[in-house]
Amino acid sequence: MLRRVLSALALSGLLLLVSAPAAAQCAMCRETASYQRAKAIEALNAGILVLGIPPVGVLGGIGFIAFKKRNTTRDDIERDQVA
């Protein structure tokens, strides 16, 4: 179980690193960044990353719970509540 979680985290980290060049690629962000200095561009990219973390965390949490409960039936839940 722990091995699967660590594998999933490693894969997520790898995907995050691979997608780094895609930062600031929306039209408005690209246009804003084109008129800024390098320091401001870095700050804009960091802001985009920070704003993206909560939705990814929520979706990851929901996905983890769904994966963990994928083989649970209603009978299992009712039996656990009675016990």
PDB file of N, CA and C in Angstrom:
ATOM      1  N   MET A   1       0.828  -1.191   0.000  1.00  0.00           N
ATOM      2  CA  MET A   1       0.000   0.000   0.000  1.00  0.00           C
ATOM      3  C   MET A   1       0.873   1.256   0.000  1.00  0.00           C
ATOM      4  N   LEU A   2       1.827   1.296   0.940  1.00  0.00           N
ATOM      5  CA  LEU A   2       2.717   2.450   1.018  1.00  0.00           C
ATOM      6  C   LEU A   2       3.550   2.582  -0.249  1.00  0.00           C
ATOM      7  N   ARG A   3       3.911   1.446  -0.806  1.00  0.00           N
ATOM      8  CA  ARG A   3       4.704   1.469  -2.033  1.00  0.00           C
ATOM      9  C   ARG A   3       3.916   2.095  -3.190  1.00  0.00           C
ATOM     10  N   ARG A   4       2.629   1.784  -3.265  1.00  0.00           N
ATOM     11  CA  ARG A   4       1.792   2.371  -4.320  1.00  0.00           C
ATOM     12  C   ARG A   4       1.645   3.870  -4.145  1.00  0.00           C
ATOM     13  N   VAL A   5       1.454   4.311  -2.898  1.00  0.00           N
ATOM     14  CA  VAL A   5       1.320   5.741  -2.627  1.00  0.00           C
ATOM     15  C   VAL A   5       2.613   6.460  -2.992  1.00  0.00           C
ATOM     16  N   LEU A   6       3.745   5.899  -2.606  1.00  0.00           N
ATOM     17  CA  LEU A   6       5.022   6.521  -2.949  1.00  0.00           C
ATOM     18  C   LEU A   6       5.248   6.548  -4.456  1.00  0.00           C
ATOM     19  N   SER A   7       4.830   5.491  -5.135  1.00  0.00           N
ATOM     20  CA  SER A   7       4.950   5.465  -6.597  1.00  0.00           C
ATOM     21  C   SER A   7       4.084   6.544  -7.228  1.00  0.00           C
ATOM     22  N   ALA A   8       2.879   6.699  -6.717  1.00  0.00           N
ATOM     23  CA  ALA A   8       1.974   7.729  -7.243  1.00  0.00           C
ATOM     24  C   ALA A   8       2.541   9.123  -6.989  1.00  0.00           C
ATOM     25  N   LEU A   9       3.103   9.349  -5.814  1.00  0.00           N
ATOM     26  CA  LEU A   9       3.708  10.643  -5.515  1.00  0.00           C
ATOM     27  C   LEU A   9       4.917  10.909  -6.404  1.00  0.00           C
ATOM     28  N   ALA A  10       5.723   9.895  -6.639  1.00  0.00           N
ATOM     29  CA  ALA A  10       6.885  10.060  -7.510  1.00  0.00           C
ATOM     30  C   ALA A  10       6.452  10.381  -8.937  1.00  0.00           C
ATOM     31  N   LEU A  11       5.432   9.695  -9.409  1.00  0.00           N
ATOM     32  CA  LEU A  11       4.922   9.967 -10.753  1.00  0.00           C
ATOM     33  C   LEU A  11       4.343  11.373 -10.841  1.00  0.00           C
ATOM     34  N   SER A  12       3.618  11.803  -9.813  1.00  0.00           N
ATOM     35  CA  SER A  12       3.063  13.157  -9.793  1.00  0.00           C
ATOM     36  C   SER A  12       4.174  14.200  -9.820  1.00  0.00           C
ATOM     37  N   GLY A  13       5.224  13.970  -9.040  1.00  0.00           N
ATOM     38  CA  GLY A  13       6.351  14.893  -9.038  1.00  0.00           C
ATOM     39  C   GLY A  13       7.039  14.967 -10.384  1.00  0.00           C
ATOM     40  N   LEU A  14       7.187  13.829 -11.019  1.00  0.00           N
ATOM     41  CA  LEU A  14       7.810  13.795 -12.340  1.00  0.00           C
ATOM     42  C   LEU A  14       6.961  14.553 -13.359  1.00  0.00           C
ATOM     43  N   LEU A  15       5.663  14.345 -13.318  1.00  0.00           N
ATOM     44  CA  LEU A  15       4.769  15.067 -14.229  1.00  0.00           C
ATOM     45  C   LEU A  15       4.809  16.567 -13.973  1.00  0.00           C
ATOM     46  N   LEU A  16       4.935  16.957 -12.716  1.00  0.00           N
ATOM     47  CA  LEU A  16       5.027  18.376 -12.392  1.00  0.00           C
ATOM     48  C   LEU A  16       6.300  18.977 -12.967  1.00  0.00           C
ATOM     49  N   LEU A  17       7.396  18.264 -12.862  1.00  0.00           N
ATOM     50  CA  LEU A  17       8.659  18.761 -13.410  1.00  0.00           C
ATOM     51  C   LEU A  17       8.621  18.849 -14.934  1.00  0.00           C
ATOM     52  N   VAL A  18       7.992  17.876 -15.559  1.00  0.00           N
ATOM     53  CA  VAL A  18       7.911  17.867 -17.017  1.00  0.00           C
ATOM     54  C   VAL A  18       7.024  19.009 -17.520  1.00  0.00           C
ATOM     55  N   SER A  19       5.997  19.354 -16.750  1.00  0.00           N
ATOM     56  CA  SER A  19       5.067  20.385 -17.194  1.00  0.00           C
ATOM     57  C   SER A  19       5.527  21.797 -16.840  1.00  0.00           C
ATOM     58  N   ALA A  20       6.671  21.948 -16.187  1.00  0.00           N
ATOM     59  CA  ALA A  20       7.154  23.269 -15.781  1.00  0.00           C
ATOM     60  C   ALA A  20       7.291  24.255 -16.943  1.00  0.00           C
ATOM     61  N   PRO A  21       7.726  23.837 -18.134  1.00  0.00           N
ATOM     62  CA  PRO A  21       7.826  24.807 -19.228  1.00  0.00           C
ATOM     63  C   PRO A  21       6.478  25.369 -19.677  1.00  0.00           C
ATOM     64  N   ALA A  22       5.387  24.756 -19.270  1.00  0.00           N
ATOM     65  CA  ALA A  22       4.067  25.233 -19.668  1.00  0.00           C
ATOM     66  C   ALA A  22       3.564  26.364 -18.782  1.00  0.00           C
ATOM     67  N   ALA A  23       4.338  26.785 -17.780  1.00  0.00           N
ATOM     68  CA  ALA A  23       3.909  27.849 -16.880  1.00  0.00           C
ATOM     69  C   ALA A  23       3.691  29.150 -17.654  1.00  0.00           C
ATOM     70  N   ALA A  24       2.685  29.890 -17.260  1.00  0.00           N
ATOM     71  CA  ALA A  24       2.343  31.192 -17.859  1.00  0.00           C
ATOM     72  C   ALA A  24       2.038  31.071 -19.346  1.00  0.00           C
ATOM     73  N   GLN A  25       1.269  30.070 -19.739  1.00  0.00           N
ATOM     74  CA  GLN A  25       0.971  29.883 -21.149  1.00  0.00           C
ATOM     75  C   GLN A  25      -0.433  30.315 -21.552  1.00  0.00           C
ATOM     76  N   CYS A  26      -1.249  30.759 -20.579  1.00  0.00           N
ATOM     77  CA  CYS A  26      -2.549  31.283 -20.999  1.00  0.00           C
ATOM     78  C   CYS A  26      -2.305  32.622 -21.684  1.00  0.00           C
ATOM     79  N   ALA A  27      -3.224  33.046 -22.519  1.00  0.00           N
ATOM     80  CA  ALA A  27      -3.016  34.252 -23.326  1.00  0.00           C
ATOM     81  C   ALA A  27      -2.794  35.488 -22.462  1.00  0.00           C
ATOM     82  N   MET A  28      -3.603  35.665 -21.428  1.00  0.00           N
ATOM     83  CA  MET A  28      -3.477  36.847 -20.591  1.00  0.00           C
ATOM     84  C   MET A  28      -2.154  36.834 -19.823  1.00  0.00           C
ATOM     85  N   CYS A  29      -1.772  35.687 -19.298  1.00  0.00           N
ATOM     86  CA  CYS A  29      -0.506  35.586 -18.561  1.00  0.00           C
ATOM     87  C   CYS A  29       0.683  35.817 -19.480  1.00  0.00           C
ATOM     88  N   ARG A  30       0.614  35.258 -20.674  1.00  0.00           N
ATOM     89  CA  ARG A  30       1.729  35.420 -21.618  1.00  0.00           C
ATOM     90  C   ARG A  30       1.875  36.887 -22.020  1.00  0.00           C
ATOM     91  N   GLU A  31       0.745  37.550 -22.254  1.00  0.00           N
ATOM     92  CA  GLU A  31       0.779  38.959 -22.649  1.00  0.00           C
ATOM     93  C   GLU A  31       1.324  39.827 -21.511  1.00  0.00           C
ATOM     94  N   THR A  32       0.872  39.555 -20.296  1.00  0.00           N
ATOM     95  CA  THR A  32       1.361  40.307 -19.141  1.00  0.00           C
ATOM     96  C   THR A  32       2.845  40.067 -18.939  1.00  0.00           C
ATOM     97  N   ALA A  33       3.273  38.839 -19.064  1.00  0.00           N
ATOM     98  CA  ALA A  33       4.675  38.494 -18.843  1.00  0.00           C
ATOM     99  C   ALA A  33       5.581  39.088 -19.909  1.00  0.00           C
ATOM    100  N   SER A  34       5.065  39.273 -21.102  1.00  0.00           N
ATOM    101  CA  SER A  34       5.920  39.784 -22.175  1.00  0.00           C
ATOM    102  C   SER A  34       6.366  41.222 -21.919  1.00  0.00           C
ATOM    103  N   TYR A  35       5.626  41.963 -21.091  1.00  0.00           N
ATOM    104  CA  TYR A  35       5.974  43.350 -20.801  1.00  0.00           C
ATOM    105  C   TYR A  35       6.711  43.510 -19.468  1.00  0.00           C
ATOM    106  N   GLN A  36       7.042  42.423 -18.820  1.00  0.00           N
ATOM    107  CA  GLN A  36       7.657  42.481 -17.503  1.00  0.00           C
ATOM    108  C   GLN A  36       9.139  42.133 -17.556  1.00  0.00           C
ATOM    109  N   ARG A  37       9.833  42.482 -16.479  1.00  0.00           N
ATOM    110  CA  ARG A  37      11.227  42.078 -16.337  1.00  0.00           C
ATOM    111  C   ARG A  37      11.274  40.629 -15.868  1.00  0.00           C
ATOM    112  N   ALA A  38      12.464  40.043 -15.890  1.00  0.00           N
ATOM    113  CA  ALA A  38      12.631  38.625 -15.546  1.00  0.00           C
ATOM    114  C   ALA A  38      12.150  38.329 -14.131  1.00  0.00           C
ATOM    115  N   LYS A  39      12.413  39.225 -13.187  1.00  0.00           N
ATOM    116  CA  LYS A  39      12.004  39.006 -11.796  1.00  0.00           C
ATOM    117  C   LYS A  39      10.476  38.974 -11.682  1.00  0.00           C
ATOM    118  N   ALA A  40       9.805  39.838 -12.395  1.00  0.00           N
ATOM    119  CA  ALA A  40       8.338  39.868 -12.368  1.00  0.00           C
ATOM    120  C   ALA A  40       7.763  38.621 -13.033  1.00  0.00           C
ATOM    121  N   ILE A  41       8.408  38.133 -14.068  1.00  0.00           N
ATOM    122  CA  ILE A  41       7.953  36.915 -14.741  1.00  0.00           C
ATOM    123  C   ILE A  41       8.067  35.724 -13.790  1.00  0.00           C
ATOM    124  N   GLU A  42       9.168  35.659 -13.051  1.00  0.00           N
ATOM    125  CA  GLU A  42       9.323  34.579 -12.068  1.00  0.00           C
ATOM    126  C   GLU A  42       8.230  34.645 -10.999  1.00  0.00           C
ATOM    127  N   ALA A  43       7.914  35.860 -10.550  1.00  0.00           N
ATOM    128  CA  ALA A  43       6.873  36.026  -9.532  1.00  0.00           C
ATOM    129  C   ALA A  43       5.506  35.612 -10.090  1.00  0.00           C
ATOM    130  N   LEU A  44       5.239  35.954 -11.335  1.00  0.00           N
ATOM    131  CA  LEU A  44       3.976  35.568 -11.962  1.00  0.00           C
ATOM    132  C   LEU A  44       3.871  34.048 -12.082  1.00  0.00           C
ATOM    133  N   ASN A  45       4.935  33.413 -12.501  1.00  0.00           N
ATOM    134  CA  ASN A  45       4.933  31.953 -12.600  1.00  0.00           C
ATOM    135  C   ASN A  45       4.751  31.300 -11.227  1.00  0.00           C
ATOM    136  N   ALA A  46       5.389  31.855 -10.209  1.00  0.00           N
ATOM    137  CA  ALA A  46       5.225  31.319  -8.851  1.00  0.00           C
ATOM    138  C   ALA A  46       3.784  31.497  -8.384  1.00  0.00           C
ATOM    139  N   GLY A  47       3.178  32.631  -8.701  1.00  0.00           N
ATOM    140  CA  GLY A  47       1.783  32.869  -8.331  1.00  0.00           C
ATOM    141  C   GLY A  47       0.837  31.894  -9.008  1.00  0.00           C
ATOM    142  N   ILE A  48       1.087  31.598 -10.259  1.00  0.00           N
ATOM    143  CA  ILE A  48       0.260  30.626 -10.984  1.00  0.00           C
ATOM    144  C   ILE A  48       0.387  29.256 -10.337  1.00  0.00           C
ATOM    145  N   LEU A  49       1.587  28.875  -9.977  1.00  0.00           N
ATOM    146  CA  LEU A  49       1.812  27.584  -9.326  1.00  0.00           C
ATOM    147  C   LEU A  49       1.106  27.525  -7.976  1.00  0.00           C
ATOM    148  N   VAL A  50       1.230  28.592  -7.183  1.00  0.00           N
ATOM    149  CA  VAL A  50       0.592  28.622  -5.861  1.00  0.00           C
ATOM    150  C   VAL A  50      -0.931  28.533  -5.994  1.00  0.00           C
ATOM    151  N   LEU A  51      -1.499  29.211  -6.963  1.00  0.00           N
ATOM    152  CA  LEU A  51      -2.950  29.159  -7.160  1.00  0.00           C
ATOM    153  C   LEU A  51      -3.415  27.807  -7.690  1.00  0.00           C
ATOM    154  N   GLY A  52      -2.523  27.046  -8.287  1.00  0.00           N
ATOM    155  CA  GLY A  52      -2.897  25.732  -8.806  1.00  0.00           C
ATOM    156  C   GLY A  52      -2.809  24.617  -7.781  1.00  0.00           C
ATOM    157  N   ILE A  53      -2.090  24.835  -6.692  1.00  0.00           N
ATOM    158  CA  ILE A  53      -1.892  23.781  -5.691  1.00  0.00           C
ATOM    159  C   ILE A  53      -3.191  23.366  -4.996  1.00  0.00           C
ATOM    160  N   PRO A  54      -4.042  24.282  -4.513  1.00  0.00           N
ATOM    161  CA  PRO A  54      -5.267  23.837  -3.821  1.00  0.00           C
ATOM    162  C   PRO A  54      -6.203  22.975  -4.678  1.00  0.00           C
ATOM    163  N   PRO A  55      -6.500  23.339  -5.929  1.00  0.00           N
ATOM    164  CA  PRO A  55      -7.367  22.461  -6.708  1.00  0.00           C
ATOM    165  C   PRO A  55      -6.762  21.084  -6.956  1.00  0.00           C
ATOM    166  N   VAL A  56      -5.462  21.039  -7.183  1.00  0.00           N
ATOM    167  CA  VAL A  56      -4.801  19.749  -7.394  1.00  0.00           C
ATOM    168  C   VAL A  56      -4.856  18.922  -6.113  1.00  0.00           C
ATOM    169  N   GLY A  57      -4.673  19.569  -4.969  1.00  0.00           N
ATOM    170  CA  GLY A  57      -4.748  18.868  -3.693  1.00  0.00           C
ATOM    171  C   GLY A  57      -6.135  18.305  -3.421  1.00  0.00           C
ATOM    172  N   VAL A  58      -7.167  19.102  -3.709  1.00  0.00           N
ATOM    173  CA  VAL A  58      -8.538  18.638  -3.495  1.00  0.00           C
ATOM    174  C   VAL A  58      -8.856  17.473  -4.427  1.00  0.00           C
ATOM    175  N   LEU A  59      -8.535  17.611  -5.694  1.00  0.00           N
ATOM    176  CA  LEU A  59      -8.804  16.528  -6.641  1.00  0.00           C
ATOM    177  C   LEU A  59      -7.992  15.283  -6.311  1.00  0.00           C
ATOM    178  N   GLY A  60      -6.756  15.481  -5.890  1.00  0.00           N
ATOM    179  CA  GLY A  60      -5.934  14.339  -5.485  1.00  0.00           C
ATOM    180  C   GLY A  60      -6.508  13.642  -4.267  1.00  0.00           C
ATOM    181  N   GLY A  61      -6.999  14.420  -3.304  1.00  0.00           N
ATOM    182  CA  GLY A  61      -7.609  13.837  -2.109  1.00  0.00           C
ATOM    183  C   GLY A  61      -8.863  13.046  -2.444  1.00  0.00           C
ATOM    184  N   ILE A  62      -9.708  13.604  -3.291  1.00  0.00           N
ATOM    185  CA  ILE A  62     -10.917  12.895  -3.714  1.00  0.00           C
ATOM    186  C   ILE A  62     -10.547  11.626  -4.464  1.00  0.00           C
ATOM    187  N   GLY A  63      -9.556  11.726  -5.336  1.00  0.00           N
ATOM    188  CA  GLY A  63      -9.112  10.552  -6.073  1.00  0.00           C
ATOM    189  C   GLY A  63      -8.549   9.479  -5.163  1.00  0.00           C
ATOM    190  N   PHE A  64      -7.788   9.892  -4.145  1.00  0.00           N
ATOM    191  CA  PHE A  64      -7.219   8.943  -3.195  1.00  0.00           C
ATOM    192  C   PHE A  64      -8.320   8.236  -2.410  1.00  0.00           C
ATOM    193  N   ILE A  65      -9.304   9.000  -1.927  1.00  0.00           N
ATOM    194  CA  ILE A  65     -10.410   8.397  -1.177  1.00  0.00           C
ATOM    195  C   ILE A  65     -11.201   7.444  -2.072  1.00  0.00           C
ATOM    196  N   ALA A  66     -11.458   7.862  -3.309  1.00  0.00           N
ATOM    197  CA  ALA A  66     -12.189   6.995  -4.235  1.00  0.00           C
ATOM    198  C   ALA A  66     -11.403   5.715  -4.512  1.00  0.00           C
ATOM    199  N   PHE A  67     -10.098   5.846  -4.687  1.00  0.00           N
ATOM    200  CA  PHE A  67      -9.270   4.670  -4.934  1.00  0.00           C
ATOM    201  C   PHE A  67      -9.262   3.743  -3.725  1.00  0.00           C
ATOM    202  N   LYS A  68      -9.171   4.336  -2.548  1.00  0.00           N
ATOM    203  CA  LYS A  68      -9.122   3.550  -1.312  1.00  0.00           C
ATOM    204  C   LYS A  68     -10.445   2.818  -1.068  1.00  0.00           C
ATOM    205  N   LYS A  69     -11.551   3.434  -1.428  1.00  0.00           N
ATOM    206  CA  LYS A  69     -12.874   2.858  -1.172  1.00  0.00           C
ATOM    207  C   LYS A  69     -13.462   2.146  -2.394  1.00  0.00           C
ATOM    208  N   ARG A  70     -12.676   1.909  -3.424  1.00  0.00           N
ATOM    209  CA  ARG A  70     -13.194   1.384  -4.687  1.00  0.00           C
ATOM    210  C   ARG A  70     -13.867   0.021  -4.571  1.00  0.00           C
ATOM    211  N   ASN A  71     -13.468  -0.799  -3.618  1.00  0.00           N
ATOM    212  CA  ASN A  71     -14.051  -2.134  -3.484  1.00  0.00           C
ATOM    213  C   ASN A  71     -15.019  -2.237  -2.308  1.00  0.00           C
ATOM    214  N   THR A  72     -15.405  -1.124  -1.726  1.00  0.00           N
ATOM    215  CA  THR A  72     -16.319  -1.107  -0.585  1.00  0.00           C
ATOM    216  C   THR A  72     -17.756  -1.123  -1.092  1.00  0.00           C
ATOM    217  N   THR A  73     -18.577  -1.975  -0.496  1.00  0.00           N
ATOM    218  CA  THR A  73     -19.996  -2.025  -0.859  1.00  0.00           C
ATOM    219  C   THR A  73     -20.814  -1.416   0.273  1.00  0.00           C
ATOM    220  N   ARG A  74     -22.079  -1.169   0.007  1.00  0.00           N
ATOM    221  CA  ARG A  74     -22.974  -0.614   1.019  1.00  0.00           C
ATOM    222  C   ARG A  74     -23.077  -1.560   2.219  1.00  0.00           C
ATOM    223  N   ASP A  75     -23.082  -2.856   1.964  1.00  0.00           N
ATOM    224  CA  ASP A  75     -23.148  -3.830   3.060  1.00  0.00           C
ATOM    225  C   ASP A  75     -21.939  -3.694   3.984  1.00  0.00           C
ATOM    226  N   ASP A  76     -20.756  -3.459   3.410  1.00  0.00           N
ATOM    227  CA  ASP A  76     -19.557  -3.287   4.218  1.00  0.00           C
ATOM    228  C   ASP A  76     -19.685  -2.047   5.110  1.00  0.00           C
ATOM    229  N   ILE A  77     -20.207  -0.976   4.543  1.00  0.00           N
ATOM    230  CA  ILE A  77     -20.357   0.266   5.297  1.00  0.00           C
ATOM    231  C   ILE A  77     -21.342   0.092   6.433  1.00  0.00           C
ATOM    232  N   GLU A  78     -22.504  -0.525   6.158  1.00  0.00           N
ATOM    233  CA  GLU A  78     -23.518  -0.739   7.193  1.00  0.00           C
ATOM    234  C   GLU A  78     -22.988  -1.670   8.295  1.00  0.00           C
ATOM    235  N   ARG A  79     -22.252  -2.695   7.934  1.00  0.00           N
ATOM    236  CA  ARG A  79     -21.688  -3.620   8.921  1.00  0.00           C
ATOM    237  C   ARG A  79     -20.684  -2.896   9.812  1.00  0.00           C
ATOM    238  N   ASP A  80     -19.876  -2.013   9.244  1.00  0.00           N
ATOM    239  CA  ASP A  80     -18.895  -1.267  10.034  1.00  0.00           C
ATOM    240  C   ASP A  80     -19.571  -0.278  10.980  1.00  0.00           C
ATOM    241  N   GLN A  81     -20.705   0.289  10.575  1.00  0.00           N
ATOM    242  CA  GLN A  81     -21.411   1.240  11.429  1.00  0.00           C
ATOM    243  C   GLN A  81     -22.079   0.546  12.612  1.00  0.00           C
ATOM    244  N   VAL A  82     -22.554  -0.676  12.416  1.00  0.00           N
ATOM    245  CA  VAL A  82     -23.222  -1.427  13.480  1.00  0.00           C
ATOM    246  C   VAL A  82     -22.214  -1.897  14.520  1.00  0.00           C
ATOM    247  N   ALA A  83     -21.053  -2.288  14.063  1.00  0.00           N
ATOM    248  CA  ALA A  83     -20.044  -2.856  14.975  1.00  0.00           C
ATOM    249  C   ALA A  83     -19.425  -1.839  15.868  1.00  0.00           C
TER     250      ALA A  83
END
